[in-house]
Amino acid sequence: MIKRKSTIYDLAALADVSASTVSAVLNGNWKQRRIAEANQEKERCENSVGEARAAIEARDGVARIQALVALTYAALAQRRSLQLSLGGAFLVWLVIVFLLRLVEWNAIGAVLLNAVIYPIAIAAASRFRIAGAVKRVEVTSADLAWRAGVVTLCVVLVTAASSSIGSYFSGTFAFFPVAMGSFFIILHPRIGGPAAASVAAHVLTPLIGLGLGLLAVHLLAVPFGVWWSYAIGLCIGIGWNALLWALRQRKLLA
């Protein structure tokens, strides 16, 4: 019986490696193969970092959009229905998202633009604020359930589509104002447009904390890692709003 000649596939099966690895060893070019693989790994890492930075920069841009969404809703809710007010705010959000795509943003540019937009938006929204307390709204368990469901669905859809829509739009749509919009859906029919607009007008100053938190994530994600940067950014946002609350309490007691 003639013995079958061993092939590289037999050697690969015995060594539990790929046939191409066996071929590289037998041909003496395994060193070049390792260098090529190392370069490929470096390129993959650089691409991953680049995509991460693009996503974070997109989130930085969203901080300025949220302020304009709240301002648009506050302006429209004075006389318009919930559908027109919220629809108009979302339309402004989409338009700005695509306009921001035309500019290559960095941290300094984002900070400077925020420094211009927020004071103007806060000053413009002051006319929509109602003095005194807004009528208390009872939030039911059903309200919490459907709001959580809508936010979860938004996250699932963005995650599923991230490979197709790219880093910029993944980072942007991850901050689609669905939570803010669902809150106005609850308020508008129960307390009326002007009162809901007053709430939107008061949202602008707390949103500065969101911008500061996202800036921290942008600056710290690479040196400290994603989770630490998010934790620090969250603490900054909470700290900013705690400071606003303390200042308000002090003003009320004065």
C-alpha atoms as a PDB file:
ATOM      1  CA  MET A   1       0.000   0.000   0.000  1.00  0.00           C
ATOM      2  CA  ILE A   2       1.436   3.338  -1.053  1.00  0.00           C
ATOM      3  CA  LYS A   3       1.681   5.783   1.849  1.00  0.00           C
ATOM      4  CA  ARG A   4       0.038   9.141   1.170  1.00  0.00           C
ATOM      5  CA  LYS A   5       2.401  12.101   1.203  1.00  0.00           C
ATOM      6  CA  SER A   6       1.771  14.558   4.041  1.00  0.00           C
ATOM      7  CA  THR A   7       0.614  18.009   3.094  1.00  0.00           C
ATOM      8  CA  ILE A   8       0.738  21.354   4.884  1.00  0.00           C
ATOM      9  CA  TYR A   9      -2.895  20.799   5.820  1.00  0.00           C
ATOM     10  CA  ASP A  10      -1.933  17.647   7.717  1.00  0.00           C
ATOM     11  CA  LEU A  11       0.852  19.510   9.502  1.00  0.00           C
ATOM     12  CA  ALA A  12      -1.526  22.371  10.275  1.00  0.00           C
ATOM     13  CA  ALA A  13      -4.069  19.983  11.775  1.00  0.00           C
ATOM     14  CA  LEU A  14      -1.418  18.322  13.934  1.00  0.00           C
ATOM     15  CA  ALA A  15       0.004  21.657  15.118  1.00  0.00           C
ATOM     16  CA  ASP A  16      -3.448  23.212  15.511  1.00  0.00           C
ATOM     17  CA  VAL A  17      -2.498  26.217  13.397  1.00  0.00           C
ATOM     18  CA  SER A  18      -3.570  27.541  10.010  1.00  0.00           C
ATOM     19  CA  ALA A  19      -2.170  26.180   6.753  1.00  0.00           C
ATOM     20  CA  SER A  20      -0.829  29.643   5.886  1.00  0.00           C
ATOM     21  CA  THR A  21       1.208  29.646   9.123  1.00  0.00           C
ATOM     22  CA  VAL A  22       2.771  26.289   8.219  1.00  0.00           C
ATOM     23  CA  SER A  23       3.544  27.599   4.733  1.00  0.00           C
ATOM     24  CA  ALA A  24       5.217  30.718   6.177  1.00  0.00           C
ATOM     25  CA  VAL A  25       7.445  28.587   8.463  1.00  0.00           C
ATOM     26  CA  LEU A  26       8.437  26.171   5.700  1.00  0.00           C
ATOM     27  CA  ASN A  27       9.221  28.978   3.274  1.00  0.00           C
ATOM     28  CA  GLY A  28      11.244  30.913   5.846  1.00  0.00           C
ATOM     29  CA  ASN A  29       9.169  34.113   5.613  1.00  0.00           C
ATOM     30  CA  TRP A  30       7.538  33.872   9.039  1.00  0.00           C
ATOM     31  CA  LYS A  31       9.428  36.933  10.259  1.00  0.00           C
ATOM     32  CA  GLN A  32       8.012  39.070   7.466  1.00  0.00           C
ATOM     33  CA  ARG A  33       4.578  37.604   8.216  1.00  0.00           C
ATOM     34  CA  ARG A  34       4.871  38.627  11.874  1.00  0.00           C
ATOM     35  CA  ILE A  35       5.867  42.152  10.905  1.00  0.00           C
ATOM     36  CA  ALA A  36       2.928  42.373   8.511  1.00  0.00           C
ATOM     37  CA  GLU A  37       0.546  41.113  11.173  1.00  0.00           C
ATOM     38  CA  ALA A  38       1.952  43.606  13.682  1.00  0.00           C
ATOM     39  CA  ASN A  39       1.422  46.434  11.184  1.00  0.00           C
ATOM     40  CA  GLN A  40      -2.118  45.257  10.551  1.00  0.00           C
ATOM     41  CA  GLU A  41      -2.803  45.171  14.291  1.00  0.00           C
ATOM     42  CA  LYS A  42      -1.367  48.670  14.664  1.00  0.00           C
ATOM     43  CA  GLU A  43      -3.571  49.890  11.821  1.00  0.00           C
ATOM     44  CA  ARG A  44      -6.630  48.279  13.418  1.00  0.00           C
ATOM     45  CA  CYS A  45      -5.837  49.976  16.731  1.00  0.00           C
ATOM     46  CA  GLU A  46      -5.350  53.348  15.059  1.00  0.00           C
ATOM     47  CA  ASN A  47      -8.642  52.932  13.211  1.00  0.00           C
ATOM     48  CA  SER A  48     -10.407  52.001  16.445  1.00  0.00           C
ATOM     49  CA  VAL A  49      -9.000  55.037  18.240  1.00  0.00           C
ATOM     50  CA  GLY A  50      -9.961  57.245  15.313  1.00  0.00           C
ATOM     51  CA  GLU A  51     -13.506  55.895  15.305  1.00  0.00           C
ATOM     52  CA  ALA A  52     -13.743  56.362  19.070  1.00  0.00           C
ATOM     53  CA  ARG A  53     -12.574  59.967  18.790  1.00  0.00           C
ATOM     54  CA  ALA A  54     -15.095  60.601  16.003  1.00  0.00           C
ATOM     55  CA  ALA A  55     -17.899  59.204  18.141  1.00  0.00           C
ATOM     56  CA  ILE A  56     -16.846  61.276  21.157  1.00  0.00           C
ATOM     57  CA  GLU A  57     -16.537  64.441  19.056  1.00  0.00           C
ATOM     58  CA  ALA A  58     -20.027  63.760  17.718  1.00  0.00           C
ATOM     59  CA  ARG A  59     -21.297  63.564  21.292  1.00  0.00           C
ATOM     60  CA  ASP A  60     -19.554  66.869  22.066  1.00  0.00           C
ATOM     61  CA  GLY A  61     -21.520  68.421  19.218  1.00  0.00           C
ATOM     62  CA  VAL A  62     -24.767  67.032  20.601  1.00  0.00           C
ATOM     63  CA  ALA A  63     -24.395  69.105  23.776  1.00  0.00           C
ATOM     64  CA  ARG A  64     -24.901  72.289  21.771  1.00  0.00           C
ATOM     65  CA  ILE A  65     -27.814  70.731  19.830  1.00  0.00           C
ATOM     66  CA  GLN A  66     -29.749  69.843  22.982  1.00  0.00           C
ATOM     67  CA  ALA A  67     -29.840  73.470  24.058  1.00  0.00           C
ATOM     68  CA  LEU A  68     -31.311  74.528  20.725  1.00  0.00           C
ATOM     69  CA  VAL A  69     -33.854  71.686  20.836  1.00  0.00           C
ATOM     70  CA  ALA A  70     -35.130  72.867  24.218  1.00  0.00           C
ATOM     71  CA  LEU A  71     -35.199  76.491  23.033  1.00  0.00           C
ATOM     72  CA  THR A  72     -37.105  75.579  19.850  1.00  0.00           C
ATOM     73  CA  TYR A  73     -39.686  73.605  21.793  1.00  0.00           C
ATOM     74  CA  ALA A  74     -40.107  76.415  24.321  1.00  0.00           C
ATOM     75  CA  ALA A  75     -40.719  78.936  21.540  1.00  0.00           C
ATOM     76  CA  LEU A  76     -43.204  76.775  19.612  1.00  0.00           C
ATOM     77  CA  ALA A  77     -45.089  75.457  22.654  1.00  0.00           C
ATOM     78  CA  GLN A  78     -46.391  78.937  23.473  1.00  0.00           C
ATOM     79  CA  ARG A  79     -49.080  78.699  20.799  1.00  0.00           C
ATOM     80  CA  ARG A  80     -48.625  75.381  18.992  1.00  0.00           C
ATOM     81  CA  SER A  81     -49.741  71.827  19.665  1.00  0.00           C
ATOM     82  CA  LEU A  82     -47.508  69.155  21.139  1.00  0.00           C
ATOM     83  CA  GLN A  83     -47.046  67.514  17.730  1.00  0.00           C
ATOM     84  CA  LEU A  84     -45.928  70.734  16.023  1.00  0.00           C
ATOM     85  CA  SER A  85     -43.773  71.901  18.929  1.00  0.00           C
ATOM     86  CA  LEU A  86     -41.921  68.641  19.433  1.00  0.00           C
ATOM     87  CA  GLY A  87     -41.786  67.874  15.719  1.00  0.00           C
ATOM     88  CA  GLY A  88     -40.256  71.285  15.055  1.00  0.00           C
ATOM     89  CA  ALA A  89     -37.674  70.757  17.797  1.00  0.00           C
ATOM     90  CA  PHE A  90     -36.692  67.356  16.370  1.00  0.00           C
ATOM     91  CA  LEU A  91     -36.473  68.844  12.868  1.00  0.00           C
ATOM     92  CA  VAL A  92     -34.076  71.516  14.134  1.00  0.00           C
ATOM     93  CA  TRP A  93     -32.043  68.738  15.766  1.00  0.00           C
ATOM     94  CA  LEU A  94     -31.749  66.783  12.503  1.00  0.00           C
ATOM     95  CA  VAL A  95     -30.820  69.847  10.450  1.00  0.00           C
ATOM     96  CA  ILE A  96     -28.077  70.862  12.887  1.00  0.00           C
ATOM     97  CA  VAL A  97     -26.737  67.287  13.010  1.00  0.00           C
ATOM     98  CA  PHE A  98     -26.160  67.306   9.250  1.00  0.00           C
ATOM     99  CA  LEU A  99     -24.772  70.851   9.259  1.00  0.00           C
ATOM    100  CA  LEU A 100     -22.255  69.979  11.988  1.00  0.00           C
ATOM    101  CA  ARG A 101     -21.106  67.068   9.828  1.00  0.00           C
ATOM    102  CA  LEU A 102     -19.697  69.592   7.353  1.00  0.00           C
ATOM    103  CA  VAL A 103     -17.144  70.880   9.876  1.00  0.00           C
ATOM    104  CA  GLU A 104     -14.165  69.044  11.386  1.00  0.00           C
ATOM    105  CA  TRP A 105     -14.594  69.710  15.109  1.00  0.00           C
ATOM    106  CA  ASN A 106     -12.059  69.442  17.897  1.00  0.00           C
ATOM    107  CA  ALA A 107     -12.317  70.020  21.644  1.00  0.00           C
ATOM    108  CA  ILE A 108     -11.284  73.676  21.463  1.00  0.00           C
ATOM    109  CA  GLY A 109     -13.757  74.469  18.702  1.00  0.00           C
ATOM    110  CA  ALA A 110     -16.567  72.697  20.577  1.00  0.00           C
ATOM    111  CA  VAL A 111     -15.835  74.623  23.787  1.00  0.00           C
ATOM    112  CA  LEU A 112     -15.751  77.964  21.971  1.00  0.00           C
ATOM    113  CA  LEU A 113     -19.012  77.272  20.142  1.00  0.00           C
ATOM    114  CA  ASN A 114     -20.695  76.166  23.367  1.00  0.00           C
ATOM    115  CA  ALA A 115     -19.433  79.338  25.044  1.00  0.00           C
ATOM    116  CA  VAL A 116     -21.245  81.345  22.350  1.00  0.00           C
ATOM    117  CA  ILE A 117     -24.446  79.291  21.974  1.00  0.00           C
ATOM    118  CA  TYR A 118     -25.348  78.674  25.606  1.00  0.00           C
ATOM    119  CA  PRO A 119     -25.420  82.307  26.821  1.00  0.00           C
ATOM    120  CA  ILE A 120     -27.477  83.317  23.774  1.00  0.00           C
ATOM    121  CA  ALA A 121     -29.887  80.385  24.170  1.00  0.00           C
ATOM    122  CA  ILE A 122     -30.297  80.963  27.925  1.00  0.00           C
ATOM    123  CA  ALA A 123     -30.971  84.676  27.383  1.00  0.00           C
ATOM    124  CA  ALA A 124     -33.461  83.929  24.596  1.00  0.00           C
ATOM    125  CA  ALA A 125     -35.243  81.328  26.740  1.00  0.00           C
ATOM    126  CA  SER A 126     -35.671  83.693  29.688  1.00  0.00           C
ATOM    127  CA  ARG A 127     -38.811  85.187  28.135  1.00  0.00           C
ATOM    128  CA  PHE A 128     -40.500  81.768  28.235  1.00  0.00           C
ATOM    129  CA  ARG A 129     -39.928  81.192  31.951  1.00  0.00           C
ATOM    130  CA  ILE A 130     -42.952  81.445  34.205  1.00  0.00           C
ATOM    131  CA  ALA A 131     -42.326  82.969  37.620  1.00  0.00           C
ATOM    132  CA  GLY A 132     -43.169  80.708  40.542  1.00  0.00           C
ATOM    133  CA  ALA A 133     -43.734  76.978  40.680  1.00  0.00           C
ATOM    134  CA  VAL A 134     -45.263  75.114  37.740  1.00  0.00           C
ATOM    135  CA  LYS A 135     -48.286  72.935  38.481  1.00  0.00           C
ATOM    136  CA  ARG A 136     -47.203  69.617  39.961  1.00  0.00           C
ATOM    137  CA  VAL A 137     -47.557  66.652  37.602  1.00  0.00           C
ATOM    138  CA  GLU A 138     -48.159  63.161  38.893  1.00  0.00           C
ATOM    139  CA  VAL A 139     -45.985  60.744  36.952  1.00  0.00           C
ATOM    140  CA  THR A 140     -47.502  57.260  36.841  1.00  0.00           C
ATOM    141  CA  SER A 141     -45.776  53.900  36.594  1.00  0.00           C
ATOM    142  CA  ALA A 142     -47.093  53.640  33.029  1.00  0.00           C
ATOM    143  CA  ASP A 143     -45.312  56.917  32.176  1.00  0.00           C
ATOM    144  CA  LEU A 144     -42.027  55.573  33.510  1.00  0.00           C
ATOM    145  CA  ALA A 145     -42.493  52.238  31.737  1.00  0.00           C
ATOM    146  CA  TRP A 146     -43.103  53.622  28.248  1.00  0.00           C
ATOM    147  CA  ARG A 147     -40.368  56.247  28.623  1.00  0.00           C
ATOM    148  CA  ALA A 148     -37.888  53.528  29.592  1.00  0.00           C
ATOM    149  CA  GLY A 149     -39.092  51.410  26.685  1.00  0.00           C
ATOM    150  CA  VAL A 150     -38.669  54.211  24.154  1.00  0.00           C
ATOM    151  CA  VAL A 151     -35.155  55.060  25.391  1.00  0.00           C
ATOM    152  CA  THR A 152     -34.170  51.373  25.348  1.00  0.00           C
ATOM    153  CA  LEU A 153     -35.523  50.957  21.810  1.00  0.00           C
ATOM    154  CA  CYS A 154     -33.521  53.993  20.662  1.00  0.00           C
ATOM    155  CA  VAL A 155     -30.314  52.558  22.159  1.00  0.00           C
ATOM    156  CA  VAL A 156     -30.943  49.142  20.564  1.00  0.00           C
ATOM    157  CA  LEU A 157     -31.590  50.658  17.134  1.00  0.00           C
ATOM    158  CA  VAL A 158     -28.484  52.859  17.250  1.00  0.00           C
ATOM    159  CA  THR A 159     -26.320  49.945  18.412  1.00  0.00           C
ATOM    160  CA  ALA A 160     -27.672  47.657  15.696  1.00  0.00           C
ATOM    161  CA  ALA A 161     -27.141  50.263  12.978  1.00  0.00           C
ATOM    162  CA  SER A 162     -23.750  51.531  14.202  1.00  0.00           C
ATOM    163  CA  SER A 163     -21.726  49.465  11.727  1.00  0.00           C
ATOM    164  CA  SER A 164     -23.753  50.881   8.846  1.00  0.00           C
ATOM    165  CA  ILE A 165     -24.109  54.552   9.820  1.00  0.00           C
ATOM    166  CA  GLY A 166     -20.520  55.096  11.025  1.00  0.00           C
ATOM    167  CA  SER A 167     -18.974  56.589  14.134  1.00  0.00           C
ATOM    168  CA  TYR A 168     -20.235  60.148  13.701  1.00  0.00           C
ATOM    169  CA  PHE A 169     -23.903  59.299  13.405  1.00  0.00           C
ATOM    170  CA  SER A 170     -23.634  56.513  15.987  1.00  0.00           C
ATOM    171  CA  GLY A 171     -22.280  58.989  18.520  1.00  0.00           C
ATOM    172  CA  THR A 172     -24.847  61.598  17.523  1.00  0.00           C
ATOM    173  CA  PHE A 173     -27.959  59.416  17.487  1.00  0.00           C
ATOM    174  CA  ALA A 174     -26.900  57.872  20.800  1.00  0.00           C
ATOM    175  CA  PHE A 175     -27.847  61.300  22.199  1.00  0.00           C
ATOM    176  CA  PHE A 176     -31.071  61.718  20.263  1.00  0.00           C
ATOM    177  CA  PRO A 177     -33.280  63.801  22.607  1.00  0.00           C
ATOM    178  CA  VAL A 178     -35.770  60.987  23.139  1.00  0.00           C
ATOM    179  CA  ALA A 179     -35.717  61.314  26.936  1.00  0.00           C
ATOM    180  CA  MET A 180     -36.304  65.076  26.768  1.00  0.00           C
ATOM    181  CA  GLY A 181     -38.995  64.638  24.137  1.00  0.00           C
ATOM    182  CA  SER A 182     -40.834  61.944  26.098  1.00  0.00           C
ATOM    183  CA  PHE A 183     -40.830  64.239  29.138  1.00  0.00           C
ATOM    184  CA  PHE A 184     -42.517  66.991  27.141  1.00  0.00           C
ATOM    185  CA  ILE A 185     -45.050  64.462  25.825  1.00  0.00           C
ATOM    186  CA  ILE A 186     -46.104  63.926  29.438  1.00  0.00           C
ATOM    187  CA  LEU A 187     -46.074  67.601  30.449  1.00  0.00           C
ATOM    188  CA  HIS A 188     -47.625  69.349  27.450  1.00  0.00           C
ATOM    189  CA  PRO A 189     -51.126  67.783  27.582  1.00  0.00           C
ATOM    190  CA  ARG A 190     -51.334  67.921  31.392  1.00  0.00           C
ATOM    191  CA  ILE A 191     -50.137  71.416  32.234  1.00  0.00           C
ATOM    192  CA  GLY A 192     -50.384  73.164  28.862  1.00  0.00           C
ATOM    193  CA  GLY A 193     -47.840  74.414  26.326  1.00  0.00           C
ATOM    194  CA  PRO A 194     -46.648  77.597  28.080  1.00  0.00           C
ATOM    195  CA  ALA A 195     -46.012  75.802  31.370  1.00  0.00           C
ATOM    196  CA  ALA A 196     -44.178  72.948  29.590  1.00  0.00           C
ATOM    197  CA  ALA A 197     -42.211  75.586  27.676  1.00  0.00           C
ATOM    198  CA  SER A 198     -41.178  77.129  31.002  1.00  0.00           C
ATOM    199  CA  VAL A 199     -39.745  73.760  32.040  1.00  0.00           C
ATOM    200  CA  ALA A 200     -37.849  73.546  28.737  1.00  0.00           C
ATOM    201  CA  ALA A 201     -36.493  77.063  29.255  1.00  0.00           C
ATOM    202  CA  HIS A 202     -35.144  76.061  32.672  1.00  0.00           C
ATOM    203  CA  VAL A 203     -33.407  72.974  31.201  1.00  0.00           C
ATOM    204  CA  LEU A 204     -30.760  75.006  29.368  1.00  0.00           C
ATOM    205  CA  THR A 205     -28.523  75.878  32.313  1.00  0.00           C
ATOM    206  CA  PRO A 206     -28.383  72.276  33.635  1.00  0.00           C
ATOM    207  CA  LEU A 207     -27.448  71.144  30.113  1.00  0.00           C
ATOM    208  CA  ILE A 208     -24.114  72.934  30.543  1.00  0.00           C
ATOM    209  CA  GLY A 209     -23.213  70.068  32.875  1.00  0.00           C
ATOM    210  CA  LEU A 210     -23.811  67.642  30.014  1.00  0.00           C
ATOM    211  CA  GLY A 211     -21.414  69.582  27.825  1.00  0.00           C
ATOM    212  CA  LEU A 212     -18.735  69.658  30.526  1.00  0.00           C
ATOM    213  CA  GLY A 213     -19.157  65.935  31.153  1.00  0.00           C
ATOM    214  CA  LEU A 214     -18.798  65.111  27.459  1.00  0.00           C
ATOM    215  CA  LEU A 215     -15.714  67.307  27.231  1.00  0.00           C
ATOM    216  CA  ALA A 216     -14.189  65.281  30.069  1.00  0.00           C
ATOM    217  CA  VAL A 217     -14.996  62.046  28.216  1.00  0.00           C
ATOM    218  CA  HIS A 218     -13.378  63.430  25.080  1.00  0.00           C
ATOM    219  CA  LEU A 219     -10.171  64.375  26.879  1.00  0.00           C
ATOM    220  CA  LEU A 220      -9.890  61.346  29.185  1.00  0.00           C
ATOM    221  CA  ALA A 221     -11.132  58.407  27.088  1.00  0.00           C
ATOM    222  CA  VAL A 222      -7.753  57.594  25.555  1.00  0.00           C
ATOM    223  CA  PRO A 223      -5.423  58.096  28.566  1.00  0.00           C
ATOM    224  CA  PHE A 224      -7.753  56.653  31.238  1.00  0.00           C
ATOM    225  CA  GLY A 225     -10.034  54.309  29.316  1.00  0.00           C
ATOM    226  CA  VAL A 226     -13.702  54.457  28.383  1.00  0.00           C
ATOM    227  CA  TRP A 227     -15.268  53.465  31.711  1.00  0.00           C
ATOM    228  CA  TRP A 228     -13.201  55.823  33.877  1.00  0.00           C
ATOM    229  CA  SER A 229     -13.805  58.703  31.478  1.00  0.00           C
ATOM    230  CA  TYR A 230     -17.562  58.079  31.523  1.00  0.00           C
ATOM    231  CA  ALA A 231     -17.555  57.827  35.298  1.00  0.00           C
ATOM    232  CA  ILE A 232     -15.709  61.148  35.612  1.00  0.00           C
ATOM    233  CA  GLY A 233     -17.988  62.771  33.034  1.00  0.00           C
ATOM    234  CA  LEU A 234     -21.064  61.550  34.924  1.00  0.00           C
ATOM    235  CA  CYS A 235     -19.685  62.927  38.195  1.00  0.00           C
ATOM    236  CA  ILE A 236     -19.084  66.304  36.539  1.00  0.00           C
ATOM    237  CA  GLY A 237     -22.661  66.423  35.249  1.00  0.00           C
ATOM    238  CA  ILE A 238     -24.092  65.463  38.639  1.00  0.00           C
ATOM    239  CA  GLY A 239     -21.792  67.918  40.405  1.00  0.00           C
ATOM    240  CA  TRP A 240     -22.832  70.776  38.117  1.00  0.00           C
ATOM    241  CA  ASN A 241     -26.528  70.174  38.749  1.00  0.00           C
ATOM    242  CA  ALA A 242     -25.938  69.772  42.484  1.00  0.00           C
ATOM    243  CA  LEU A 243     -24.208  73.163  42.434  1.00  0.00           C
ATOM    244  CA  LEU A 244     -27.181  74.739  40.634  1.00  0.00           C
ATOM    245  CA  TRP A 245     -29.574  73.224  43.158  1.00  0.00           C
ATOM    246  CA  ALA A 246     -27.486  74.514  46.100  1.00  0.00           C
ATOM    247  CA  LEU A 247     -27.359  78.016  44.608  1.00  0.00           C
ATOM    248  CA  ARG A 248     -31.120  77.989  44.080  1.00  0.00           C
ATOM    249  CA  GLN A 249     -31.743  76.854  47.658  1.00  0.00           C
ATOM    250  CA  ARG A 250     -29.471  79.579  48.944  1.00  0.00           C
ATOM    251  CA  LYS A 251     -31.337  82.173  46.870  1.00  0.00           C
ATOM    252  CA  LEU A 252     -34.695  80.968  48.209  1.00  0.00           C
ATOM    253  CA  LEU A 253     -33.480  81.183  51.807  1.00  0.00           C
ATOM    254  CA  ALA A 254     -31.928  84.611  51.412  1.00  0.00           C
END
